[in-house]
């Protein structure tokens, strides 16, 4: 999944926060697996603490990354009018975030981590996205809010594991395909749509297909 940081100077994108992992691990529901796509720019301020993303301040909003426990963290978005001065290198905030994304392992277990839950909270509106990974089939299944849609992603490797391919299917939960599979696309340090791109960018494009680019 990816979350847009809105617009920067001259209407350009301020970059995105995104979560990506081919296979589950204990770190999946941790900020260690949270990335930002535009680390080096003058119009967005990135604050890290102990090597992890802590705050990102763009022209339209500030993202505050708060660890809840070993299995859950929040990405809380505030308007710039809610951002005060820094204390200890971190911006102080007032009021409530206008949207919070909660990333968690719903099993809260150090040995069971094949599920990821993403919850969007905007006031009283709460939406839950559930991901489940099945190792036997190398498949991620995403069930969207209201269980009205299911996205299946099947991974495969080739070329001595140097390439990753995936096939995506959209359907009603547990039912037949609602649309044809996506064309296989190569990931890793290879090609996507015939273009040689770094693995990180390929991963970002895949994450956007899974949950879409979320705009704050």
Protein backbone atom coordinates (compact mmCIF):
# COMPACT_ATOMS: atom_id res chain seq x y z
CA UNK A 1 0.00 0.00 0.00
CA UNK A 2 1.12 3.58 -0.47
CA UNK A 3 -0.03 6.83 1.11
CA UNK A 4 0.47 10.10 -0.72
CA UNK A 5 2.01 13.02 1.17
CA UNK A 6 0.07 15.42 -1.04
CA UNK A 7 1.60 18.16 -3.19
CA UNK A 8 4.90 19.97 -2.83
CA UNK A 9 6.24 23.10 -4.55
CA UNK A 10 5.08 23.82 -8.10
CA UNK A 11 2.34 21.21 -7.69
CA UNK A 12 4.77 18.31 -7.70
CA UNK A 13 4.17 15.19 -5.64
CA UNK A 14 5.56 15.37 -2.10
CA UNK A 15 6.32 11.66 -2.28
CA UNK A 16 4.65 8.67 -0.66
CA UNK A 17 4.86 6.45 2.36
CA UNK A 18 4.66 2.84 1.38
CA UNK A 19 4.73 -0.66 2.84
CA UNK A 20 6.08 -3.55 0.83
CA UNK A 21 7.16 -7.11 1.51
CA UNK A 22 6.97 -10.13 -0.77
CA UNK A 23 6.61 -12.58 2.09
CA UNK A 24 5.49 -11.93 5.66
CA UNK A 25 7.85 -11.48 8.58
CA UNK A 26 7.68 -10.18 12.12
CA UNK A 27 8.81 -6.78 10.78
CA UNK A 28 5.81 -6.43 8.47
CA UNK A 29 3.75 -4.58 11.09
CA UNK A 30 6.71 -2.47 12.21
CA UNK A 31 8.00 0.93 11.02
CA UNK A 32 11.16 -0.91 9.96
CA UNK A 33 9.10 -1.90 6.93
CA UNK A 34 7.77 1.61 6.26
CA UNK A 35 9.50 3.58 3.50
CA UNK A 36 9.36 7.07 2.03
CA UNK A 37 9.97 7.60 -1.66
CA UNK A 38 11.53 11.06 -1.63
CA UNK A 39 14.11 11.20 1.16
CA UNK A 40 16.33 13.90 -0.38
CA UNK A 41 14.44 17.07 -1.23
CA UNK A 42 14.32 20.61 0.12
CA UNK A 43 10.53 21.08 0.33
CA UNK A 44 9.82 18.02 2.52
CA UNK A 45 11.36 17.49 5.95
CA UNK A 46 12.05 13.90 7.01
CA UNK A 47 12.75 13.21 10.68
CA UNK A 48 14.17 9.87 11.72
CA UNK A 49 14.73 8.50 15.21
CA UNK A 50 17.02 5.50 15.68
CA UNK A 51 17.01 4.92 11.93
CA UNK A 52 13.21 4.76 11.66
CA UNK A 53 10.81 7.25 10.11
CA UNK A 54 9.30 9.41 12.87
CA UNK A 55 7.76 12.43 11.11
CA UNK A 56 7.44 13.72 7.56
CA UNK A 57 6.47 17.36 7.10
CA UNK A 58 5.32 18.40 3.64
CA UNK A 59 3.53 21.52 2.42
CA UNK A 60 0.02 20.14 3.00
CA UNK A 61 0.35 17.85 6.02
CA UNK A 62 2.60 16.25 8.60
CA UNK A 63 2.73 12.48 9.05
CA UNK A 64 3.45 11.38 12.62
CA UNK A 65 4.57 7.75 12.97
CA UNK A 66 3.84 6.41 16.45
CA UNK A 67 4.69 2.90 17.67
CA UNK A 68 1.87 1.43 19.78
CA UNK A 69 3.51 -1.90 20.63
CA UNK A 70 5.62 -4.63 18.99
CA UNK A 71 2.76 -5.51 16.65
CA UNK A 72 1.12 -2.18 15.85
CA UNK A 73 1.89 1.41 14.87
CA UNK A 74 -0.03 4.46 13.66
CA UNK A 75 0.55 6.90 10.83
CA UNK A 76 -1.29 10.02 11.98
CA UNK A 77 -1.84 12.96 9.65
CA UNK A 78 -2.12 16.55 10.91
CA UNK A 79 -2.77 19.85 9.17
CA UNK A 80 0.13 22.28 9.27
CA UNK A 81 -1.97 24.57 11.49
CA UNK A 82 -1.69 21.83 14.15
CA UNK A 83 2.11 21.70 13.99
CA UNK A 84 4.05 23.58 16.64
CA UNK A 85 7.74 23.93 17.40
CA UNK A 86 10.23 21.13 17.84
CA UNK A 87 11.08 19.56 21.17
CA UNK A 88 13.87 17.01 21.17
CA UNK A 89 14.01 17.15 17.39
CA UNK A 90 10.34 16.19 16.95
CA UNK A 91 7.45 18.55 16.09
CA UNK A 92 4.85 19.04 18.82
CA UNK A 93 1.26 18.59 17.67
CA UNK A 94 -2.11 19.87 18.86
CA UNK A 95 -5.60 18.48 18.46
CA UNK A 96 -6.56 15.21 16.83
CA UNK A 97 -5.24 13.88 13.51
CA UNK A 98 -7.67 14.25 10.65
CA UNK A 99 -6.88 10.71 9.49
CA UNK A 100 -5.03 7.83 11.16
CA UNK A 101 -3.75 4.69 9.46
CA UNK A 102 -3.14 1.82 11.89
CA UNK A 103 -0.79 -0.92 10.69
CA UNK A 104 -0.88 -4.09 12.76
CA UNK A 105 -0.42 -7.81 13.07
CA UNK A 106 -3.94 -8.76 14.23
CA UNK A 107 -2.60 -11.95 15.81
CA UNK A 108 -0.18 -9.93 17.99
CA UNK A 109 2.17 -12.92 18.00
CA UNK A 110 5.95 -13.30 17.56
CA UNK A 111 5.40 -16.60 15.70
CA UNK A 112 2.21 -15.93 13.70
CA UNK A 113 2.63 -13.04 11.27
CA UNK A 114 1.04 -14.04 7.97
CA UNK A 115 -1.72 -11.47 8.40
CA UNK A 116 -1.60 -7.69 8.15
CA UNK A 117 -4.46 -5.36 9.01
CA UNK A 118 -4.62 -1.76 7.82
CA UNK A 119 -7.29 0.42 9.41
CA UNK A 120 -8.23 3.89 8.17
CA UNK A 121 -9.92 6.14 10.72
CA UNK A 122 -11.38 9.49 9.64
CA UNK A 123 -13.50 10.76 12.51
CA UNK A 124 -16.25 8.19 12.97
CA UNK A 125 -15.60 6.55 9.59
CA UNK A 126 -13.50 3.37 9.99
CA UNK A 127 -12.40 1.13 7.13
CA UNK A 128 -10.46 -2.12 7.54
CA UNK A 129 -8.24 -3.79 4.92
CA UNK A 130 -7.07 -7.34 5.70
CA UNK A 131 -4.12 -9.06 4.02
CA UNK A 132 -3.50 -12.80 4.44
CA UNK A 133 -0.49 -14.69 3.07
CA UNK A 134 -0.57 -18.42 2.26
CA UNK A 135 2.93 -19.87 2.01
CA UNK A 136 1.92 -23.04 0.16
CA UNK A 137 0.66 -21.04 -2.82
CA UNK A 138 2.83 -17.92 -2.36
CA UNK A 139 -0.36 -15.88 -2.43
CA UNK A 140 -1.37 -12.62 -0.77
CA UNK A 141 -5.12 -12.07 -0.46
CA UNK A 142 -6.50 -8.61 0.30
CA UNK A 143 -10.09 -8.25 1.46
CA UNK A 144 -11.36 -4.68 1.22
CA UNK A 145 -13.81 -2.91 3.59
CA UNK A 146 -17.24 -4.48 3.66
CA UNK A 147 -15.85 -7.69 2.09
CA UNK A 148 -17.06 -6.54 -1.32
CA UNK A 149 -13.80 -7.22 -3.16
CA UNK A 150 -10.89 -9.63 -2.89
CA UNK A 151 -7.50 -9.15 -4.58
CA UNK A 152 -5.25 -12.19 -4.98
CA UNK A 153 -1.53 -11.85 -5.79
CA UNK A 154 0.44 -14.98 -6.67
CA UNK A 155 4.27 -14.81 -6.68
CA UNK A 156 6.69 -16.88 -8.72
CA UNK A 157 10.45 -16.72 -9.35
CA UNK A 158 12.60 -17.36 -12.39
CA UNK A 159 16.16 -16.82 -13.56
CA UNK A 160 17.75 -18.16 -10.41
CA UNK A 161 15.41 -16.05 -8.26
CA UNK A 162 16.66 -12.88 -9.95
CA UNK A 163 13.17 -12.10 -11.27
CA UNK A 164 9.84 -11.98 -9.50
CA UNK A 165 6.59 -12.36 -11.39
CA UNK A 166 3.12 -11.86 -10.05
CA UNK A 167 -0.37 -12.49 -11.31
CA UNK A 168 -3.18 -10.42 -9.85
CA UNK A 169 -6.85 -11.37 -9.74
CA UNK A 170 -9.82 -9.30 -8.59
CA UNK A 171 -12.99 -11.10 -7.51
CA UNK A 172 -15.78 -11.23 -4.98
CA UNK A 173 -14.52 -12.86 -1.76
CA UNK A 174 -14.25 -16.61 -2.30
CA UNK A 175 -15.86 -16.33 -5.73
CA UNK A 176 -14.75 -16.40 -9.38
CA UNK A 177 -12.62 -13.72 -11.01
CA UNK A 178 -14.42 -10.45 -11.61
CA UNK A 179 -11.86 -9.39 -14.21
CA UNK A 180 -8.97 -11.06 -16.06
CA UNK A 181 -5.63 -11.55 -14.36
CA UNK A 182 -3.10 -8.77 -14.74
CA UNK A 183 -0.33 -9.48 -17.18
CA UNK A 184 2.66 -11.06 -15.43
CA UNK A 185 5.13 -8.38 -14.43
CA UNK A 186 8.79 -8.87 -13.56
CA UNK A 187 10.02 -7.47 -10.28
CA UNK A 188 13.40 -7.48 -8.49
CA UNK A 189 16.29 -5.86 -10.43
CA UNK A 190 14.66 -6.58 -13.73
CA UNK A 191 11.92 -5.10 -15.88
CA UNK A 192 8.38 -3.88 -15.42
CA UNK A 193 6.36 -3.23 -18.59
CA UNK A 194 9.60 -3.61 -20.57
CA UNK A 195 11.37 -0.90 -18.59
CA UNK A 196 14.40 -1.70 -16.46
CA UNK A 197 13.73 -0.24 -13.04
CA UNK A 198 15.02 -0.76 -9.49
CA UNK A 199 13.26 -3.27 -7.30
CA UNK A 200 12.03 -0.54 -4.94
CA UNK A 201 10.06 1.20 -7.70
CA UNK A 202 8.59 -2.07 -8.92
CA UNK A 203 7.54 -2.83 -5.38
CA UNK A 204 5.90 0.58 -5.06
CA UNK A 205 3.91 0.04 -8.25
CA UNK A 206 2.72 -3.33 -7.00
CA UNK A 207 1.69 -1.90 -3.64
CA UNK A 208 -0.36 0.77 -5.41
CA UNK A 209 -2.18 -1.93 -7.39
CA UNK A 210 -2.95 -3.83 -4.19
CA UNK A 211 -4.54 -1.02 -2.22
CA UNK A 212 -4.23 1.95 -4.49
CA UNK A 213 -2.54 5.23 -3.82
CA UNK A 214 -4.20 6.69 -0.77
CA UNK A 215 -4.40 10.44 -0.68
CA UNK A 216 -4.45 12.15 2.68
